[in-house]
PDB file of N, CA and C in Angstrom:
ATOM      1  N   MET A   1       0.822  -1.188   0.000  1.00  0.00           N
ATOM      2  CA  MET A   1       0.000   0.000   0.000  1.00  0.00           C
ATOM      3  C   MET A   1       0.871   1.258   0.000  1.00  0.00           C
ATOM      4  N   PHE A   2       1.944   1.240   0.803  1.00  0.00           N
ATOM      5  CA  PHE A   2       2.833   2.392   0.848  1.00  0.00           C
ATOM      6  C   PHE A   2       3.587   2.559  -0.464  1.00  0.00           C
ATOM      7  N   VAL A   3       3.956   1.445  -1.088  1.00  0.00           N
ATOM      8  CA  VAL A   3       4.655   1.501  -2.372  1.00  0.00           C
ATOM      9  C   VAL A   3       3.740   2.080  -3.438  1.00  0.00           C
ATOM     10  N   GLU A   4       2.485   1.713  -3.391  1.00  0.00           N
ATOM     11  CA  GLU A   4       1.523   2.247  -4.353  1.00  0.00           C
ATOM     12  C   GLU A   4       1.354   3.760  -4.170  1.00  0.00           C
ATOM     13  N   PHE A   5       1.345   4.204  -2.913  1.00  0.00           N
ATOM     14  CA  PHE A   5       1.278   5.647  -2.633  1.00  0.00           C
ATOM     15  C   PHE A   5       2.495   6.365  -3.199  1.00  0.00           C
ATOM     16  N   LEU A   6       3.687   5.789  -2.998  1.00  0.00           N
ATOM     17  CA  LEU A   6       4.908   6.416  -3.518  1.00  0.00           C
ATOM     18  C   LEU A   6       4.912   6.476  -5.042  1.00  0.00           C
ATOM     19  N   LEU A   7       4.428   5.421  -5.681  1.00  0.00           N
ATOM     20  CA  LEU A   7       4.359   5.430  -7.140  1.00  0.00           C
ATOM     21  C   LEU A   7       3.382   6.488  -7.639  1.00  0.00           C
ATOM     22  N   ASN A   8       2.235   6.603  -7.000  1.00  0.00           N
ATOM     23  CA  ASN A   8       1.273   7.628  -7.390  1.00  0.00           C
ATOM     24  C   ASN A   8       1.810   9.025  -7.134  1.00  0.00           C
ATOM     25  N   PHE A   9       2.515   9.202  -6.027  1.00  0.00           N
ATOM     26  CA  PHE A   9       3.114  10.497  -5.728  1.00  0.00           C
ATOM     27  C   PHE A   9       4.181  10.849  -6.768  1.00  0.00           C
ATOM     28  N   ALA A  10       5.008   9.873  -7.153  1.00  0.00           N
ATOM     29  CA  ALA A  10       6.029  10.105  -8.173  1.00  0.00           C
ATOM     30  C   ALA A  10       5.390  10.464  -9.506  1.00  0.00           C
ATOM     31  N   ARG A  11       4.305   9.780  -9.869  1.00  0.00           N
ATOM     32  CA  ARG A  11       3.578  10.114 -11.102  1.00  0.00           C
ATOM     33  C   ARG A  11       3.028  11.533 -11.050  1.00  0.00           C
ATOM     34  N   PHE A  12       2.476  11.904  -9.892  1.00  0.00           N
ATOM     35  CA  PHE A  12       1.913  13.240  -9.711  1.00  0.00           C
ATOM     36  C   PHE A  12       2.988  14.310  -9.870  1.00  0.00           C
ATOM     37  N   VAL A  13       4.150  14.101  -9.254  1.00  0.00           N
ATOM     38  CA  VAL A  13       5.243  15.072  -9.343  1.00  0.00           C
ATOM     39  C   VAL A  13       5.774  15.170 -10.767  1.00  0.00           C
ATOM     40  N   LEU A  14       5.987  14.032 -11.417  1.00  0.00           N
ATOM     41  CA  LEU A  14       6.495  14.037 -12.790  1.00  0.00           C
ATOM     42  C   LEU A  14       5.502  14.687 -13.745  1.00  0.00           C
ATOM     43  N   MET A  15       4.223  14.428 -13.569  1.00  0.00           N
ATOM     44  CA  MET A  15       3.207  15.042 -14.433  1.00  0.00           C
ATOM     45  C   MET A  15       3.146  16.548 -14.181  1.00  0.00           C
ATOM     46  N   GLY A  16       3.279  16.949 -12.929  1.00  0.00           N
ATOM     47  CA  GLY A  16       3.308  18.375 -12.612  1.00  0.00           C
ATOM     48  C   GLY A  16       4.498  19.077 -13.245  1.00  0.00           C
ATOM     49  N   LEU A  17       5.664  18.452 -13.195  1.00  0.00           N
ATOM     50  CA  LEU A  17       6.841  19.027 -13.845  1.00  0.00           C
ATOM     51  C   LEU A  17       6.663  19.082 -15.355  1.00  0.00           C
ATOM     52  N   TRP A  18       6.087  18.026 -15.916  1.00  0.00           N
ATOM     53  CA  TRP A  18       5.831  17.992 -17.360  1.00  0.00           C
ATOM     54  C   TRP A  18       4.922  19.143 -17.768  1.00  0.00           C
ATOM     55  N   LEU A  19       3.857  19.355 -16.994  1.00  0.00           N
ATOM     56  CA  LEU A  19       2.935  20.449 -17.294  1.00  0.00           C
ATOM     57  C   LEU A  19       3.577  21.813 -17.081  1.00  0.00           C
ATOM     58  N   ALA A  20       4.446  21.938 -16.079  1.00  0.00           N
ATOM     59  CA  ALA A  20       5.122  23.209 -15.827  1.00  0.00           C
ATOM     60  C   ALA A  20       6.060  23.560 -16.983  1.00  0.00           C
ATOM     61  N   VAL A  21       6.799  22.578 -17.483  1.00  0.00           N
ATOM     62  CA  VAL A  21       7.694  22.834 -18.620  1.00  0.00           C
ATOM     63  C   VAL A  21       6.876  23.180 -19.859  1.00  0.00           C
ATOM     64  N   LEU A  22       5.801  22.458 -20.087  1.00  0.00           N
ATOM     65  CA  LEU A  22       4.931  22.773 -21.219  1.00  0.00           C
ATOM     66  C   LEU A  22       4.331  24.172 -21.073  1.00  0.00           C
ATOM     67  N   GLY A  23       3.920  24.523 -19.881  1.00  0.00           N
ATOM     68  CA  GLY A  23       3.400  25.864 -19.630  1.00  0.00           C
ATOM     69  C   GLY A  23       4.443  26.937 -19.872  1.00  0.00           C
ATOM     70  N   ARG A  24       5.688  26.645 -19.504  1.00  0.00           N
ATOM     71  CA  ARG A  24       6.746  27.619 -19.752  1.00  0.00           C
ATOM     72  C   ARG A  24       6.971  27.803 -21.247  1.00  0.00           C
ATOM     73  N   VAL A  25       6.926  26.736 -21.996  1.00  0.00           N
ATOM     74  CA  VAL A  25       7.087  26.839 -23.444  1.00  0.00           C
ATOM     75  C   VAL A  25       5.969  27.684 -24.037  1.00  0.00           C
ATOM     76  N   LEU A  26       4.748  27.411 -23.623  1.00  0.00           N
ATOM     77  CA  LEU A  26       3.618  28.155 -24.170  1.00  0.00           C
ATOM     78  C   LEU A  26       3.636  29.619 -23.748  1.00  0.00           C
ATOM     79  N   ILE A  27       4.009  29.886 -22.512  1.00  0.00           N
ATOM     80  CA  ILE A  27       4.004  31.270 -22.039  1.00  0.00           C
ATOM     81  C   ILE A  27       5.194  32.054 -22.592  1.00  0.00           C
ATOM     82  N   SER A  28       6.229  31.353 -23.039  1.00  0.00           N
ATOM     83  CA  SER A  28       7.384  32.054 -23.602  1.00  0.00           C
ATOM     84  C   SER A  28       7.036  32.732 -24.923  1.00  0.00           C
ATOM     85  N   TRP A  29       5.974  32.296 -25.564  1.00  0.00           N
ATOM     86  CA  TRP A  29       5.546  32.953 -26.792  1.00  0.00           C
ATOM     87  C   TRP A  29       4.876  34.285 -26.493  1.00  0.00           C
ATOM     88  N   VAL A  30       4.288  34.410 -25.311  1.00  0.00           N
ATOM     89  CA  VAL A  30       3.539  35.613 -24.951  1.00  0.00           C
ATOM     90  C   VAL A  30       4.375  36.558 -24.093  1.00  0.00           C
ATOM     91  N   ASP A  31       5.040  36.012 -23.061  1.00  0.00           N
ATOM     92  CA  ASP A  31       5.797  36.825 -22.114  1.00  0.00           C
ATOM     93  C   ASP A  31       7.144  36.165 -21.833  1.00  0.00           C
ATOM     94  N   PRO A  32       8.103  36.282 -22.759  1.00  0.00           N
ATOM     95  CA  PRO A  32       9.377  35.581 -22.571  1.00  0.00           C
ATOM     96  C   PRO A  32      10.248  36.164 -21.458  1.00  0.00           C
ATOM     97  N   THR A  33      10.025  37.406 -21.068  1.00  0.00           N
ATOM     98  CA  THR A  33      10.867  38.012 -20.033  1.00  0.00           C
ATOM     99  C   THR A  33      10.378  37.715 -18.629  1.00  0.00           C
ATOM    100  N   GLY A  34       9.159  37.273 -18.458  1.00  0.00           N
ATOM    101  CA  GLY A  34       8.641  36.928 -17.150  1.00  0.00           C
ATOM    102  C   GLY A  34       8.142  38.115 -16.355  1.00  0.00           C
ATOM    103  N   ARG A  35       7.562  39.092 -17.019  1.00  0.00           N
ATOM    104  CA  ARG A  35       7.039  40.268 -16.316  1.00  0.00           C
ATOM    105  C   ARG A  35       5.758  39.959 -15.549  1.00  0.00           C
ATOM    106  N   ASN A  36       4.991  39.021 -16.027  1.00  0.00           N
ATOM    107  CA  ASN A  36       3.767  38.617 -15.352  1.00  0.00           C
ATOM    108  C   ASN A  36       4.130  37.692 -14.183  1.00  0.00           C
ATOM    109  N   SER A  37       3.341  37.706 -13.130  1.00  0.00           N
ATOM    110  CA  SER A  37       3.673  36.888 -11.958  1.00  0.00           C
ATOM    111  C   SER A  37       3.560  35.392 -12.267  1.00  0.00           C
ATOM    112  N   ALA A  38       2.596  35.000 -13.097  1.00  0.00           N
ATOM    113  CA  ALA A  38       2.454  33.583 -13.452  1.00  0.00           C
ATOM    114  C   ALA A  38       3.644  33.108 -14.284  1.00  0.00           C
ATOM    115  N   SER A  39       4.078  33.919 -15.243  1.00  0.00           N
ATOM    116  CA  SER A  39       5.227  33.510 -16.057  1.00  0.00           C
ATOM    117  C   SER A  39       6.511  33.533 -15.234  1.00  0.00           C
ATOM    118  N   ALA A  40       6.637  34.481 -14.313  1.00  0.00           N
ATOM    119  CA  ALA A  40       7.812  34.506 -13.440  1.00  0.00           C
ATOM    120  C   ALA A  40       7.858  33.263 -12.557  1.00  0.00           C
ATOM    121  N   PHE A  41       6.692  32.827 -12.074  1.00  0.00           N
ATOM    122  CA  PHE A  41       6.626  31.610 -11.272  1.00  0.00           C
ATOM    123  C   PHE A  41       7.047  30.388 -12.083  1.00  0.00           C
ATOM    124  N   LEU A  42       6.555  30.274 -13.317  1.00  0.00           N
ATOM    125  CA  LEU A  42       6.923  29.137 -14.166  1.00  0.00           C
ATOM    126  C   LEU A  42       8.413  29.141 -14.492  1.00  0.00           C
ATOM    127  N   ILE A  43       8.968  30.322 -14.712  1.00  0.00           N
ATOM    128  CA  ILE A  43      10.401  30.411 -15.000  1.00  0.00           C
ATOM    129  C   ILE A  43      11.206  29.973 -13.783  1.00  0.00           C
ATOM    130  N   GLN A  44      10.830  30.434 -12.599  1.00  0.00           N
ATOM    131  CA  GLN A  44      11.554  30.049 -11.384  1.00  0.00           C
ATOM    132  C   GLN A  44      11.392  28.565 -11.084  1.00  0.00           C
ATOM    133  N   LEU A  45      10.247  27.996 -11.411  1.00  0.00           N
ATOM    134  CA  LEU A  45       9.998  26.588 -11.146  1.00  0.00           C
ATOM    135  C   LEU A  45      10.767  25.674 -12.096  1.00  0.00           C
ATOM    136  N   THR A  46      10.861  26.057 -13.351  1.00  0.00           N
ATOM    137  CA  THR A  46      11.444  25.160 -14.351  1.00  0.00           C
ATOM    138  C   THR A  46      12.912  25.432 -14.661  1.00  0.00           C
ATOM    139  N   GLU A  47      13.426  26.573 -14.292  1.00  0.00           N
ATOM    140  CA  GLU A  47      14.819  26.892 -14.632  1.00  0.00           C
ATOM    141  C   GLU A  47      15.828  25.918 -14.015  1.00  0.00           C
ATOM    142  N   PRO A  48      15.653  25.470 -12.754  1.00  0.00           N
ATOM    143  CA  PRO A  48      16.603  24.474 -12.232  1.00  0.00           C
ATOM    144  C   PRO A  48      16.602  23.157 -13.001  1.00  0.00           C
ATOM    145  N   ILE A  49      15.522  22.858 -13.702  1.00  0.00           N
ATOM    146  CA  ILE A  49      15.450  21.633 -14.497  1.00  0.00           C
ATOM    147  C   ILE A  49      16.027  21.866 -15.889  1.00  0.00           C
ATOM    148  N   LEU A  50      15.757  23.031 -16.463  1.00  0.00           N
ATOM    149  CA  LEU A  50      16.178  23.303 -17.836  1.00  0.00           C
ATOM    150  C   LEU A  50      17.637  23.747 -17.939  1.00  0.00           C
ATOM    151  N   ALA A  51      18.170  24.413 -16.930  1.00  0.00           N
ATOM    152  CA  ALA A  51      19.523  24.968 -17.015  1.00  0.00           C
ATOM    153  C   ALA A  51      20.597  23.896 -17.237  1.00  0.00           C
ATOM    154  N   PRO A  52      20.591  22.767 -16.502  1.00  0.00           N
ATOM    155  CA  PRO A  52      21.622  21.751 -16.781  1.00  0.00           C
ATOM    156  C   PRO A  52      21.533  21.170 -18.192  1.00  0.00           C
ATOM    157  N   VAL A  53      20.312  21.000 -18.691  1.00  0.00           N
ATOM    158  CA  VAL A  53      20.149  20.485 -20.052  1.00  0.00           C
ATOM    159  C   VAL A  53      20.626  21.524 -21.052  1.00  0.00           C
ATOM    160  N   ARG A  54      20.356  22.780 -20.777  1.00  0.00           N
ATOM    161  CA  ARG A  54      20.773  23.864 -21.663  1.00  0.00           C
ATOM    162  C   ARG A  54      22.298  23.964 -21.754  1.00  0.00           C
ATOM    163  N   LYS A  55      23.004  23.593 -20.684  1.00  0.00           N
ATOM    164  CA  LYS A  55      24.478  23.611 -20.711  1.00  0.00           C
ATOM    165  C   LYS A  55      25.026  22.523 -21.620  1.00  0.00           C
ATOM    166  N   VAL A  56      24.325  21.388 -21.666  1.00  0.00           N
ATOM    167  CA  VAL A  56      24.795  20.255 -22.469  1.00  0.00           C
ATOM    168  C   VAL A  56      24.408  20.414 -23.935  1.00  0.00           C
ATOM    169  N   VAL A  57      23.183  20.846 -24.174  1.00  0.00           N
ATOM    170  CA  VAL A  57      22.668  20.964 -25.535  1.00  0.00           C
ATOM    171  C   VAL A  57      22.760  22.432 -25.965  1.00  0.00           C
ATOM    172  N   PRO A  58      23.578  22.727 -26.963  1.00  0.00           N
ATOM    173  CA  PRO A  58      23.686  24.130 -27.397  1.00  0.00           C
ATOM    174  C   PRO A  58      22.430  24.576 -28.139  1.00  0.00           C
ATOM    175  N   ARG A  59      22.247  25.882 -28.166  1.00  0.00           N
ATOM    176  CA  ARG A  59      21.105  26.439 -28.894  1.00  0.00           C
ATOM    177  C   ARG A  59      21.335  26.294 -30.391  1.00  0.00           C
ATOM    178  N   ALA A  60      20.263  26.082 -31.109  1.00  0.00           N
ATOM    179  CA  ALA A  60      20.319  25.986 -32.564  1.00  0.00           C
ATOM    180  C   ALA A  60      19.722  27.269 -33.127  1.00  0.00           C
ATOM    181  N   GLY A  61      20.553  28.268 -33.279  1.00  0.00           N
ATOM    182  CA  GLY A  61      20.061  29.566 -33.728  1.00  0.00           C
ATOM    183  C   GLY A  61      19.256  30.207 -32.628  1.00  0.00           C
ATOM    184  N   MET A  62      18.009  30.528 -32.919  1.00  0.00           N
ATOM    185  CA  MET A  62      17.161  31.115 -31.890  1.00  0.00           C
ATOM    186  C   MET A  62      16.278  30.085 -31.187  1.00  0.00           C
ATOM    187  N   PHE A  63      16.454  28.817 -31.510  1.00  0.00           N
ATOM    188  CA  PHE A  63      15.652  27.756 -30.911  1.00  0.00           C
ATOM    189  C   PHE A  63      16.377  27.124 -29.733  1.00  0.00           C
ATOM    190  N   ASP A  64      15.636  26.905 -28.653  1.00  0.00           N
ATOM    191  CA  ASP A  64      16.152  26.248 -27.464  1.00  0.00           C
ATOM    192  C   ASP A  64      15.449  24.898 -27.341  1.00  0.00           C
ATOM    193  N   PHE A  65      16.216  23.829 -27.514  1.00  0.00           N
ATOM    194  CA  PHE A  65      15.633  22.496 -27.493  1.00  0.00           C
ATOM    195  C   PHE A  65      15.625  21.858 -26.110  1.00  0.00           C
ATOM    196  N   SER A  66      16.091  22.563 -25.097  1.00  0.00           N
ATOM    197  CA  SER A  66      16.132  21.985 -23.760  1.00  0.00           C
ATOM    198  C   SER A  66      14.739  21.646 -23.220  1.00  0.00           C
ATOM    199  N   PRO A  67      13.696  22.469 -23.429  1.00  0.00           N
ATOM    200  CA  PRO A  67      12.374  22.040 -22.954  1.00  0.00           C
ATOM    201  C   PRO A  67      11.877  20.764 -23.636  1.00  0.00           C
ATOM    202  N   LEU A  68      12.156  20.606 -24.903  1.00  0.00           N
ATOM    203  CA  LEU A  68      11.752  19.396 -25.618  1.00  0.00           C
ATOM    204  C   LEU A  68      12.437  18.172 -25.026  1.00  0.00           C
ATOM    205  N   ILE A  69      13.722  18.294 -24.747  1.00  0.00           N
ATOM    206  CA  ILE A  69      14.475  17.165 -24.187  1.00  0.00           C
ATOM    207  C   ILE A  69      13.956  16.824 -22.791  1.00  0.00           C
ATOM    208  N   VAL A  70      13.690  17.850 -21.979  1.00  0.00           N
ATOM    209  CA  VAL A  70      13.178  17.606 -20.633  1.00  0.00           C
ATOM    210  C   VAL A  70      11.790  16.969 -20.692  1.00  0.00           C
ATOM    211  N   ILE A  71      10.937  17.428 -21.585  1.00  0.00           N
ATOM    212  CA  ILE A  71       9.601  16.839 -21.724  1.00  0.00           C
ATOM    213  C   ILE A  71       9.710  15.377 -22.155  1.00  0.00           C
ATOM    214  N   LEU A  72      10.622  15.081 -23.066  1.00  0.00           N
ATOM    215  CA  LEU A  72      10.800  13.682 -23.491  1.00  0.00           C
ATOM    216  C   LEU A  72      11.323  12.818 -22.347  1.00  0.00           C
ATOM    217  N   ILE A  73      12.280  13.327 -21.574  1.00  0.00           N
ATOM    218  CA  ILE A  73      12.818  12.563 -20.440  1.00  0.00           C
ATOM    219  C   ILE A  73      11.745  12.336 -19.390  1.00  0.00           C
ATOM    220  N   LEU A  74      10.961  13.377 -19.092  1.00  0.00           N
ATOM    221  CA  LEU A  74       9.883  13.205 -18.109  1.00  0.00           C
ATOM    222  C   LEU A  74       8.837  12.212 -18.614  1.00  0.00           C
ATOM    223  N   GLY A  75       8.554  12.230 -19.910  1.00  0.00           N
ATOM    224  CA  GLY A  75       7.621  11.259 -20.484  1.00  0.00           C
ATOM    225  C   GLY A  75       8.126   9.833 -20.367  1.00  0.00           C
ATOM    226  N   VAL A  76       9.425   9.649 -20.619  1.00  0.00           N
ATOM    227  CA  VAL A  76      10.007   8.306 -20.479  1.00  0.00           C
ATOM    228  C   VAL A  76       9.942   7.856 -19.022  1.00  0.00           C
ATOM    229  N   LEU A  77      10.253   8.767 -18.101  1.00  0.00           N
ATOM    230  CA  LEU A  77      10.178   8.408 -16.676  1.00  0.00           C
ATOM    231  C   LEU A  77       8.742   8.066 -16.264  1.00  0.00           C
ATOM    232  N   LEU A  78       7.782   8.827 -16.763  1.00  0.00           N
ATOM    233  CA  LEU A  78       6.384   8.529 -16.446  1.00  0.00           C
ATOM    234  C   LEU A  78       5.961   7.162 -16.969  1.00  0.00           C
ATOM    235  N   ARG A  79       6.370   6.844 -18.174  1.00  0.00           N
ATOM    236  CA  ARG A  79       5.976   5.556 -18.758  1.00  0.00           C
ATOM    237  C   ARG A  79       6.739   4.382 -18.143  1.00  0.00           C
ATOM    238  N   SER A  80       7.902   4.654 -17.557  1.00  0.00           N
ATOM    239  CA  SER A  80       8.679   3.559 -16.974  1.00  0.00           C
ATOM    240  C   SER A  80       8.188   3.157 -15.576  1.00  0.00           C
ATOM    241  N   LEU A  81       7.380   4.024 -14.948  1.00  0.00           N
ATOM    242  CA  LEU A  81       6.829   3.652 -13.645  1.00  0.00           C
ATOM    243  C   LEU A  81       5.773   2.572 -13.848  1.00  0.00           C
ATOM    244  N   PRO A  82       5.794   1.559 -12.984  1.00  0.00           N
ATOM    245  CA  PRO A  82       4.801   0.469 -13.142  1.00  0.00           C
ATOM    246  C   PRO A  82       3.400   0.906 -12.785  1.00  0.00           C
TER     247      PRO A  82
END
């Protein structure tokens, strides 16, 4: 029973992170500087996750592929949970 709770909690956290990264991608089209409080919150929440990936994967012109990579990794982690 406790293991099932931990698995559900891990799924909840991973799905929340997945949605936060997706929200940051979508809000970056409207408010990329983070002047709005909601966009500033998403930037502060997701930057610790995106920054290490951004160091490894260089930018391709004006495109930043780090959110895509993080979303794919979180998706793989979500699907790997039993």
